[in-house]
């Protein structure tokens, strides 16, 4: 990926920024899942605990990051327009008395980014501006709890932490217009963290369970300083968002879920889960 800092320091105007990095994104799912998954393959109905396992696919088209930068000579918000993240995860969870679910996920994530603006066609080195990385390790953990229940209507809460650990693929690096490494330009390390909490209403109507809710998201990307660039901190632009989805239950043992998240980030997800 080649990216241009427009309006930056004079010595950086001829540079393009190449980076591969981990991003964060949190699939929520139906917060009422502890109550919906009431029958397992090897457990009687209403046991003290059950286990689940499954697959989660999550696709974030825009993380909506912004930088809180005070240097008048360098505006990092001009470097990119969209951050996106695709994740493929395996899930495992423990459900306790159909009121509390503790879960963990592990798998791979792939990032992509777009420039803030279309580069000039006169610059032949800037014709490629979209980026996709290879899948690399990511993980998530959290919990869901049933707070109140009125018949087949549930008020539920969720907390999720999602991360892609730092690796040799996670760094910023500068190239010149000939796509050659700059001498004495080290890789710029960085760290990221994100957590999310949500509150939702769900309703069980036979084998269909729609849900909708609000979430609070905190995401922080910190880029370490380099010889040309100071420390850069990126945060999600919008903290509050909302989400909605639909769960389809087959015999109580298989559950399929689709979900949409908007405002705090633009994303959709899918999951397939089996109960044991």
Protein backbone atom coordinates (compact mmCIF):
# COMPACT_ATOMS: atom_id res chain seq x y z
CA UNK A 1 0.00 0.00 0.00
CA UNK A 2 1.34 3.44 -0.88
CA UNK A 3 -0.13 6.44 0.87
CA UNK A 4 0.59 10.18 0.61
CA UNK A 5 0.75 12.80 3.37
CA UNK A 6 -0.67 15.92 1.72
CA UNK A 7 0.23 19.20 3.39
CA UNK A 8 2.80 17.59 5.68
CA UNK A 9 6.37 18.54 6.49
CA UNK A 10 8.36 19.59 3.39
CA UNK A 11 10.76 16.67 3.73
CA UNK A 12 7.80 14.26 3.68
CA UNK A 13 6.03 15.52 0.56
CA UNK A 14 7.88 13.04 -1.65
CA UNK A 15 7.28 10.08 0.61
CA UNK A 16 4.67 7.36 0.47
CA UNK A 17 3.66 5.50 3.57
CA UNK A 18 3.42 1.73 3.50
CA UNK A 19 1.95 0.01 6.52
CA UNK A 20 0.64 -3.35 7.65
CA UNK A 21 -1.10 -3.20 11.00
CA UNK A 22 -3.56 -4.94 13.32
CA UNK A 23 -6.97 -3.37 13.76
CA UNK A 24 -9.75 -4.06 16.14
CA UNK A 25 -13.45 -4.80 15.72
CA UNK A 26 -16.00 -6.44 17.98
CA UNK A 27 -18.77 -8.71 16.75
CA UNK A 28 -21.63 -8.54 19.28
CA UNK A 29 -24.17 -11.23 18.39
CA UNK A 30 -27.49 -11.64 20.15
CA UNK A 31 -26.93 -10.62 23.82
CA UNK A 32 -29.81 -12.93 24.82
CA UNK A 33 -27.96 -16.04 23.61
CA UNK A 34 -27.59 -17.53 27.13
CA UNK A 35 -31.39 -17.89 27.30
CA UNK A 36 -31.96 -18.86 23.68
CA UNK A 37 -29.55 -21.82 23.69
CA UNK A 38 -31.57 -24.03 26.02
CA UNK A 39 -31.00 -27.46 24.45
CA UNK A 40 -27.69 -29.15 23.74
CA UNK A 41 -26.59 -32.35 22.01
CA UNK A 42 -25.27 -33.90 25.23
CA UNK A 43 -27.07 -31.90 27.89
CA UNK A 44 -30.62 -32.15 29.15
CA UNK A 45 -32.90 -29.14 28.97
CA UNK A 46 -32.12 -26.48 31.63
CA UNK A 47 -28.86 -27.98 32.97
CA UNK A 48 -26.55 -25.99 35.19
CA UNK A 49 -24.15 -25.33 32.31
CA UNK A 50 -23.74 -25.91 28.56
CA UNK A 51 -20.94 -25.47 26.04
CA UNK A 52 -21.14 -23.99 22.55
CA UNK A 53 -18.77 -23.82 19.60
CA UNK A 54 -19.08 -22.24 16.21
CA UNK A 55 -17.88 -19.89 13.49
CA UNK A 56 -18.00 -16.07 13.36
CA UNK A 57 -17.41 -13.93 10.27
CA UNK A 58 -17.23 -10.17 10.80
CA UNK A 59 -16.75 -7.51 8.11
CA UNK A 60 -16.03 -3.89 9.08
CA UNK A 61 -15.99 -1.50 6.13
CA UNK A 62 -15.01 1.60 8.13
CA UNK A 63 -13.62 1.90 11.67
CA UNK A 64 -14.09 5.71 11.54
CA UNK A 65 -10.73 6.58 13.10
CA UNK A 66 -9.60 10.16 13.66
CA UNK A 67 -6.29 11.51 14.97
CA UNK A 68 -6.00 14.03 17.78
CA UNK A 69 -2.98 15.82 16.39
CA UNK A 70 -1.89 19.35 17.34
CA UNK A 71 1.17 19.77 15.08
CA UNK A 72 0.17 22.40 12.46
CA UNK A 73 2.74 21.05 9.98
CA UNK A 74 1.37 17.51 9.92
CA UNK A 75 -2.25 16.34 9.71
CA UNK A 76 -2.47 12.52 9.97
CA UNK A 77 -6.20 12.66 9.19
CA UNK A 78 -5.20 13.35 5.59
CA UNK A 79 -3.43 10.00 5.23
CA UNK A 80 -6.43 7.69 4.86
CA UNK A 81 -10.20 7.76 4.47
CA UNK A 82 -11.36 4.29 5.57
CA UNK A 83 -9.95 1.55 7.78
CA UNK A 84 -11.57 -1.84 7.28
CA UNK A 85 -11.21 -5.23 8.94
CA UNK A 86 -12.35 -8.73 7.94
CA UNK A 87 -12.25 -11.45 10.61
CA UNK A 88 -12.83 -15.22 10.51
CA UNK A 89 -13.01 -16.70 14.02
CA UNK A 90 -13.79 -19.95 15.82
CA UNK A 91 -15.80 -19.52 19.03
CA UNK A 92 -16.11 -21.47 22.27
CA UNK A 93 -18.33 -20.51 25.22
CA UNK A 94 -19.68 -21.65 28.57
CA UNK A 95 -23.36 -20.92 29.44
CA UNK A 96 -24.28 -20.97 33.15
CA UNK A 97 -27.94 -21.48 34.22
CA UNK A 98 -29.06 -19.86 30.94
CA UNK A 99 -28.30 -16.41 32.31
CA UNK A 100 -24.56 -15.90 31.85
CA UNK A 101 -22.30 -16.73 28.91
CA UNK A 102 -18.50 -16.48 28.97
CA UNK A 103 -16.91 -16.75 25.54
CA UNK A 104 -13.62 -16.73 23.70
CA UNK A 105 -12.77 -16.56 20.00
CA UNK A 106 -9.61 -17.10 17.98
CA UNK A 107 -8.83 -17.00 14.30
CA UNK A 108 -7.52 -14.60 11.69
CA UNK A 109 -8.11 -11.01 10.58
CA UNK A 110 -7.25 -9.08 7.43
CA UNK A 111 -7.10 -5.29 7.13
CA UNK A 112 -7.63 -2.89 4.24
CA UNK A 113 -7.39 0.88 3.89
CA UNK A 114 -8.18 3.57 1.32
CA UNK A 115 -6.50 6.90 0.77
CA UNK A 116 -8.19 10.01 2.06
CA UNK A 117 -8.41 11.32 -1.50
CA UNK A 118 -7.71 10.03 -4.99
CA UNK A 119 -4.06 10.69 -5.96
CA UNK A 120 -3.20 12.71 -9.04
CA UNK A 121 -2.98 10.63 -12.21
CA UNK A 122 0.25 12.47 -13.10
CA UNK A 123 1.99 10.70 -10.25
CA UNK A 124 2.63 7.23 -11.69
CA UNK A 125 3.88 5.92 -8.34
CA UNK A 126 0.54 6.71 -6.71
CA UNK A 127 -1.75 4.67 -8.95
CA UNK A 128 -2.13 1.83 -6.41
CA UNK A 129 -3.81 3.04 -3.25
CA UNK A 130 -6.02 0.22 -2.00
CA UNK A 131 -4.55 -2.27 0.46
CA UNK A 132 -5.34 -5.73 1.78
CA UNK A 133 -3.14 -7.69 4.16
CA UNK A 134 -2.97 -11.44 4.67
CA UNK A 135 -4.97 -13.08 7.44
CA UNK A 136 -3.07 -13.17 10.73
CA UNK A 137 -3.88 -14.19 14.29
CA UNK A 138 -6.66 -12.41 16.22
CA UNK A 139 -8.65 -13.20 19.34
CA UNK A 140 -11.59 -12.00 21.42
CA UNK A 141 -13.08 -12.58 24.85
CA UNK A 142 -16.05 -11.32 26.85
CA UNK A 143 -19.41 -12.16 28.36
CA UNK A 144 -23.17 -11.83 27.96
CA UNK A 145 -25.73 -11.64 30.75
CA UNK A 146 -29.55 -11.67 30.93
CA UNK A 147 -30.54 -8.70 33.10
CA UNK A 148 -34.35 -8.92 32.96
CA UNK A 149 -36.93 -11.17 31.34
CA UNK A 150 -40.62 -10.57 30.58
CA UNK A 151 -42.00 -13.78 29.11
CA UNK A 152 -40.15 -14.16 25.79
CA UNK A 153 -38.62 -10.66 25.87
CA UNK A 154 -35.10 -10.19 27.27
CA UNK A 155 -33.01 -7.20 28.34
CA UNK A 156 -29.38 -8.25 28.03
CA UNK A 157 -25.89 -6.81 28.28
CA UNK A 158 -22.60 -7.65 26.59
CA UNK A 159 -18.91 -6.83 27.07
CA UNK A 160 -16.30 -7.68 24.42
CA UNK A 161 -12.56 -7.19 24.00
CA UNK A 162 -11.07 -7.93 20.58
CA UNK A 163 -7.40 -7.78 19.52
CA UNK A 164 -4.87 -8.67 16.89
CA UNK A 165 -1.53 -9.05 18.73
CA UNK A 166 1.56 -7.26 17.44
CA UNK A 167 3.74 -9.29 15.11
CA UNK A 168 6.52 -8.84 12.55
CA UNK A 169 3.80 -7.77 10.11
CA UNK A 170 2.68 -4.88 12.32
CA UNK A 171 4.61 -1.69 11.59
CA UNK A 172 4.80 1.56 9.63
CA UNK A 173 7.58 1.95 7.05
CA UNK A 174 8.48 4.69 4.56
CA UNK A 175 9.26 4.29 0.85
CA UNK A 176 10.21 6.85 -1.76
CA UNK A 177 8.50 7.36 -5.12
CA UNK A 178 10.62 4.61 -6.68
CA UNK A 179 9.31 2.21 -4.02
CA UNK A 180 12.80 1.88 -2.53
CA UNK A 181 13.54 1.71 1.18
CA UNK A 182 14.75 4.94 2.72
CA UNK A 183 18.12 4.59 4.41
CA UNK A 184 18.07 4.85 8.19
CA UNK A 185 14.24 4.85 8.22
CA UNK A 186 13.29 2.31 10.94
CA UNK A 187 9.99 0.51 11.18
CA UNK A 188 7.59 2.43 13.42
CA UNK A 189 5.95 0.14 15.97
CA UNK A 190 2.52 0.84 17.38
CA UNK A 191 -0.07 -0.52 19.79
CA UNK A 192 -3.84 -0.89 19.62
CA UNK A 193 -6.61 -1.77 22.05
CA UNK A 194 -10.40 -1.81 21.92
CA UNK A 195 -13.27 -2.67 24.23
CA UNK A 196 -17.01 -2.49 23.69
CA UNK A 197 -20.10 -2.78 25.89
CA UNK A 198 -23.71 -2.97 24.76
CA UNK A 199 -27.32 -3.18 25.95
CA UNK A 200 -30.10 -4.74 23.87
CA UNK A 201 -33.71 -5.97 23.78
CA UNK A 202 -34.42 -9.38 22.26
CA UNK A 203 -37.65 -11.26 21.61
CA UNK A 204 -38.11 -14.99 21.03
CA UNK A 205 -40.89 -15.71 18.52
CA UNK A 206 -40.95 -19.45 17.92
CA UNK A 207 -37.57 -20.16 16.22
CA UNK A 208 -36.85 -16.51 15.30
CA UNK A 209 -35.28 -14.00 17.72
CA UNK A 210 -34.82 -10.41 16.52
CA UNK A 211 -32.79 -7.99 18.63
CA UNK A 212 -31.66 -4.34 18.66
CA UNK A 213 -29.55 -2.26 21.00
CA UNK A 214 -26.97 0.43 21.60
CA UNK A 215 -23.23 0.06 22.18
CA UNK A 216 -20.31 2.08 23.50
CA UNK A 217 -16.99 1.59 21.70
CA UNK A 218 -13.46 2.69 22.71
CA UNK A 219 -10.70 2.04 20.18
CA UNK A 220 -7.17 3.48 20.32
CA UNK A 221 -4.35 3.17 17.79
CA UNK A 222 -1.01 4.64 18.95
CA UNK A 223 1.79 4.97 16.41
CA UNK A 224 5.25 5.29 17.96
CA UNK A 225 7.41 8.27 16.90
CA UNK A 226 9.94 8.04 14.07
CA UNK A 227 12.66 10.29 12.64
CA UNK A 228 10.13 12.21 10.53
CA UNK A 229 6.87 11.75 12.43
CA UNK A 230 5.88 12.38 16.05
CA UNK A 231 3.66 10.05 18.07
CA UNK A 232 0.20 9.74 16.46
CA UNK A 233 -2.91 8.70 18.39
CA UNK A 234 -6.00 7.55 16.51
CA UNK A 235 -9.37 7.07 18.22
CA UNK A 236 -12.81 6.07 16.99
CA UNK A 237 -14.66 9.21 15.91
CA UNK A 238 -18.04 8.13 17.35
CA UNK A 239 -18.26 6.36 20.72
CA UNK A 240 -21.97 5.47 20.69
CA UNK A 241 -23.57 3.35 18.01
CA UNK A 242 -26.43 0.99 17.51
CA UNK A 243 -26.88 -2.50 16.14
CA UNK A 244 -29.63 -4.93 15.17
CA UNK A 245 -29.84 -8.52 14.05
CA UNK A 246 -31.80 -11.74 13.77
CA UNK A 247 -31.14 -15.18 15.26
CA UNK A 248 -32.57 -18.34 13.69
CA UNK A 249 -32.72 -21.37 16.02
CA UNK A 250 -32.93 -24.89 14.58
CA UNK A 251 -34.13 -27.51 17.13
CA UNK A 252 -32.48 -25.44 19.86
CA UNK A 253 -29.11 -26.99 19.02
CA UNK A 254 -28.09 -24.93 15.98
CA UNK A 255 -28.22 -21.14 15.88
CA UNK A 256 -27.55 -18.85 12.91
CA UNK A 257 -27.20 -15.10 13.38
CA UNK A 258 -26.86 -12.07 11.11
CA UNK A 259 -26.04 -8.59 12.42
CA UNK A 260 -25.54 -4.97 11.34
CA UNK A 261 -23.60 -2.29 13.31
CA UNK A 262 -23.68 1.40 12.43
CA UNK A 263 -22.50 4.86 13.54
CA UNK A 264 -19.60 3.92 15.86
CA UNK A 265 -18.38 1.70 13.01
CA UNK A 266 -19.96 0.36 9.81
CA UNK A 267 -20.01 -3.43 9.91
CA UNK A 268 -22.00 -6.60 9.44
CA UNK A 269 -21.46 -10.07 10.84
CA UNK A 270 -22.59 -13.69 10.63
CA UNK A 271 -22.29 -16.62 13.01
CA UNK A 272 -23.20 -20.32 13.11
CA UNK A 273 -23.16 -21.96 16.58
CA UNK A 274 -23.84 -25.47 17.90
CA UNK A 275 -24.87 -26.18 21.53
CA UNK A 276 -23.53 -29.21 23.44
